Every structure is written in structure tokens, then in C-alpha cells.
Amino acid sequence: MSRRLGNPDHELDVELDEDIQEPPMYKVLLHNDHYTTMEFVVYILQTVFSKTEDEAVQIMLNVHRKGVGVCGVFTAEVAETKVARVRYLSKKENYPLQCTMEEV
């Protein structure tokens, strides 16, 4: 679709792409280890991912039982920020909790 923009004396033909695509989405995952406490995982889920206590416990149990749990689905920038925050808090508390992201 072509539209004319700007001052009528200096019109500018601009092609606008009407097919706007959604940004790619990423799952943020927590991975089980044998050292990080269940309480700390629940704390991470509540503070970093804004989960209720019940949601956090359910995700923590998935991590514990299945080896991995999905914390949420976000745009790339948000997912990267959450992964970095989990890694920072885990390192600060001397836990080896692993957090990764993968495209949906």
C-alpha cells in the first residue's frame, strides 16, 4: 500500500507493510539440580516471575520431578532479563540453579 506523507509541496511516497508480524516468543525454563532448595526456587518464581505461591509450588514440583519447568513465555528482551535476574540471585545465594530460554 502506498501513502503520501508530509508537506504537500514535498510529498513522499512511502510503502507501508500492512502485514505486521508478532515478535518471536521465548519460554524461560528452570532446570533441576541437587543443591538448590525448593524454597529458593519458589522464592525465585514469586519474585522474578510474579507467580502466586500455589503456581510457584506447582512449577517447582515440575522442575523437581521432570527436571525442568516452564516459568513463562515472553518476548526476547523480557526473557533475557528474567534469565539474567535468576542467574544473579542464584549466584548471590551460592546456588547453581540454571535458567535458560528457548524459542517457542
C-alpha atoms as a PDB file:
ATOM      1  CA  MET A   1       0.000   0.000   0.000  1.00  0.00           C
ATOM      2  CA  SER A   2       1.376   3.394  -0.926  1.00  0.00           C
ATOM      3  CA  ARG A   3       0.595   6.556   1.042  1.00  0.00           C
ATOM      4  CA  ARG A   4       1.658  10.137   0.615  1.00  0.00           C
ATOM      5  CA  LEU A   5       3.187  11.672   3.721  1.00  0.00           C
ATOM      6  CA  GLY A   6       4.471  15.096   4.660  1.00  0.00           C
ATOM      7  CA  ASN A   7       4.014  18.611   3.308  1.00  0.00           C
ATOM      8  CA  PRO A   8       2.020  18.728   0.006  1.00  0.00           C
ATOM      9  CA  ASP A   9       4.911  20.675  -1.586  1.00  0.00           C
ATOM     10  CA  HIS A  10       7.335  17.909  -0.605  1.00  0.00           C
ATOM     11  CA  GLU A  11       5.247  14.763  -0.716  1.00  0.00           C
ATOM     12  CA  LEU A  12       6.951  11.496  -0.024  1.00  0.00           C
ATOM     13  CA  ASP A  13       5.770   8.151  -1.365  1.00  0.00           C
ATOM     14  CA  VAL A  14       6.189   5.533   1.358  1.00  0.00           C
ATOM     15  CA  GLU A  15       5.466   1.837   1.118  1.00  0.00           C
ATOM     16  CA  LEU A  16       3.883   0.566   4.329  1.00  0.00           C
ATOM     17  CA  ASP A  17       3.969  -3.109   5.171  1.00  0.00           C
ATOM     18  CA  GLU A  18       0.449  -3.946   6.307  1.00  0.00           C
ATOM     19  CA  ASP A  19       1.481  -7.466   7.340  1.00  0.00           C
ATOM     20  CA  ILE A  20       2.865  -6.761  10.810  1.00  0.00           C
ATOM     21  CA  GLN A  21       4.379  -9.827  12.458  1.00  0.00           C
ATOM     22  CA  GLU A  22       4.338 -10.596  16.150  1.00  0.00           C
ATOM     23  CA  PRO A  23       7.771 -10.756  17.810  1.00  0.00           C
ATOM     24  CA  PRO A  24       9.154 -14.237  18.475  1.00  0.00           C
ATOM     25  CA  MET A  25       8.337 -15.562  21.920  1.00  0.00           C
ATOM     26  CA  TYR A  26      10.634 -17.462  24.286  1.00  0.00           C
ATOM     27  CA  LYS A  27       9.980 -19.934  27.106  1.00  0.00           C
ATOM     28  CA  VAL A  28      12.002 -19.341  30.252  1.00  0.00           C
ATOM     29  CA  LEU A  29      12.968 -22.627  31.897  1.00  0.00           C
ATOM     30  CA  LEU A  30      14.328 -23.606  35.299  1.00  0.00           C
ATOM     31  CA  HIS A  31      16.445 -26.767  35.476  1.00  0.00           C
ATOM     32  CA  ASN A  32      16.679 -29.168  38.392  1.00  0.00           C
ATOM     33  CA  ASP A  33      19.878 -29.630  40.349  1.00  0.00           C
ATOM     34  CA  HIS A  34      20.662 -31.440  43.591  1.00  0.00           C
ATOM     35  CA  TYR A  35      21.669 -28.373  45.596  1.00  0.00           C
ATOM     36  CA  THR A  36      19.176 -25.537  45.157  1.00  0.00           C
ATOM     37  CA  THR A  37      16.455 -25.699  47.791  1.00  0.00           C
ATOM     38  CA  MET A  38      12.803 -25.973  46.873  1.00  0.00           C
ATOM     39  CA  GLU A  39      12.144 -22.879  48.984  1.00  0.00           C
ATOM     40  CA  PHE A  40      14.613 -20.835  46.930  1.00  0.00           C
ATOM     41  CA  VAL A  41      13.022 -21.986  43.654  1.00  0.00           C
ATOM     42  CA  VAL A  42       9.593 -20.913  44.970  1.00  0.00           C
ATOM     43  CA  TYR A  43      11.101 -17.567  46.020  1.00  0.00           C
ATOM     44  CA  ILE A  44      12.538 -17.072  42.501  1.00  0.00           C
ATOM     45  CA  LEU A  45       9.219 -17.920  40.885  1.00  0.00           C
ATOM     46  CA  GLN A  46       7.347 -15.487  43.106  1.00  0.00           C
ATOM     47  CA  THR A  47       9.788 -12.581  42.881  1.00  0.00           C
ATOM     48  CA  VAL A  48      11.130 -12.806  39.328  1.00  0.00           C
ATOM     49  CA  PHE A  49       8.080 -14.295  37.597  1.00  0.00           C
ATOM     50  CA  SER A  50       5.277 -12.855  39.797  1.00  0.00           C
ATOM     51  CA  LYS A  51       3.750 -16.283  40.434  1.00  0.00           C
ATOM     52  CA  THR A  52       1.333 -16.898  43.274  1.00  0.00           C
ATOM     53  CA  GLU A  53       2.510 -19.291  45.962  1.00  0.00           C
ATOM     54  CA  ASP A  54       0.354 -22.087  44.530  1.00  0.00           C
ATOM     55  CA  GLU A  55       1.651 -21.509  40.981  1.00  0.00           C
ATOM     56  CA  ALA A  56       5.241 -21.320  42.219  1.00  0.00           C
ATOM     57  CA  VAL A  57       4.927 -24.584  44.143  1.00  0.00           C
ATOM     58  CA  GLN A  58       3.428 -26.352  41.111  1.00  0.00           C
ATOM     59  CA  ILE A  59       6.237 -25.163  38.797  1.00  0.00           C
ATOM     60  CA  MET A  60       8.860 -26.045  41.429  1.00  0.00           C
ATOM     61  CA  LEU A  61       7.423 -29.570  41.645  1.00  0.00           C
ATOM     62  CA  ASN A  62       7.615 -29.868  37.838  1.00  0.00           C
ATOM     63  CA  VAL A  63      11.259 -28.832  37.996  1.00  0.00           C
ATOM     64  CA  HIS A  64      11.903 -31.334  40.773  1.00  0.00           C
ATOM     65  CA  ARG A  65      10.036 -34.255  39.180  1.00  0.00           C
ATOM     66  CA  LYS A  66      10.617 -33.708  35.464  1.00  0.00           C
ATOM     67  CA  GLY A  67      13.989 -31.978  35.563  1.00  0.00           C
ATOM     68  CA  VAL A  68      12.700 -28.764  34.002  1.00  0.00           C
ATOM     69  CA  GLY A  69       9.795 -26.353  34.430  1.00  0.00           C
ATOM     70  CA  VAL A  70       8.408 -23.505  32.347  1.00  0.00           C
ATOM     71  CA  CYS A  71       8.287 -20.212  34.232  1.00  0.00           C
ATOM     72  CA  GLY A  72       6.573 -18.230  31.480  1.00  0.00           C
ATOM     73  CA  VAL A  73       6.638 -17.133  27.849  1.00  0.00           C
ATOM     74  CA  PHE A  74       7.983 -13.694  26.968  1.00  0.00           C
ATOM     75  CA  THR A  75       9.481 -11.575  24.211  1.00  0.00           C
ATOM     76  CA  ALA A  76      13.238 -11.990  23.770  1.00  0.00           C
ATOM     77  CA  GLU A  77      14.219  -8.919  25.786  1.00  0.00           C
ATOM     78  CA  VAL A  78      11.954  -9.754  28.715  1.00  0.00           C
ATOM     79  CA  ALA A  79      13.069 -13.404  28.713  1.00  0.00           C
ATOM     80  CA  GLU A  80      16.761 -12.379  28.663  1.00  0.00           C
ATOM     81  CA  THR A  81      16.200 -10.024  31.583  1.00  0.00           C
ATOM     82  CA  LYS A  82      14.439 -12.682  33.648  1.00  0.00           C
ATOM     83  CA  VAL A  83      17.155 -15.279  32.923  1.00  0.00           C
ATOM     84  CA  ALA A  84      19.828 -12.768  33.957  1.00  0.00           C
ATOM     85  CA  ARG A  85      17.936 -11.910  37.147  1.00  0.00           C
ATOM     86  CA  VAL A  86      17.582 -15.584  38.141  1.00  0.00           C
ATOM     87  CA  ARG A  87      21.271 -16.200  37.493  1.00  0.00           C
ATOM     88  CA  TYR A  88      22.246 -13.130  39.527  1.00  0.00           C
ATOM     89  CA  LEU A  89      20.066 -14.063  42.522  1.00  0.00           C
ATOM     90  CA  SER A  90      21.187 -17.697  42.402  1.00  0.00           C
ATOM     91  CA  LYS A  91      24.852 -16.776  42.306  1.00  0.00           C
ATOM     92  CA  LYS A  92      24.345 -14.258  45.113  1.00  0.00           C
ATOM     93  CA  GLU A  93      22.888 -17.046  47.298  1.00  0.00           C
ATOM     94  CA  ASN A  94      25.511 -19.612  46.158  1.00  0.00           C
ATOM     95  CA  TYR A  95      23.025 -21.849  44.355  1.00  0.00           C
ATOM     96  CA  PRO A  96      23.789 -23.483  40.997  1.00  0.00           C
ATOM     97  CA  LEU A  97      20.209 -23.001  39.737  1.00  0.00           C
ATOM     98  CA  GLN A  98      20.193 -22.961  35.933  1.00  0.00           C
ATOM     99  CA  CYS A  99      17.768 -20.814  33.988  1.00  0.00           C
ATOM    100  CA  THR A 100      17.571 -20.830  30.193  1.00  0.00           C
ATOM    101  CA  MET A 101      15.327 -19.640  27.412  1.00  0.00           C
ATOM    102  CA  GLU A 102      14.266 -21.244  24.138  1.00  0.00           C
ATOM    103  CA  GLU A 103      12.162 -20.010  21.272  1.00  0.00           C
ATOM    104  CA  VAL A 104       8.556 -21.221  21.264  1.00  0.00           C
END
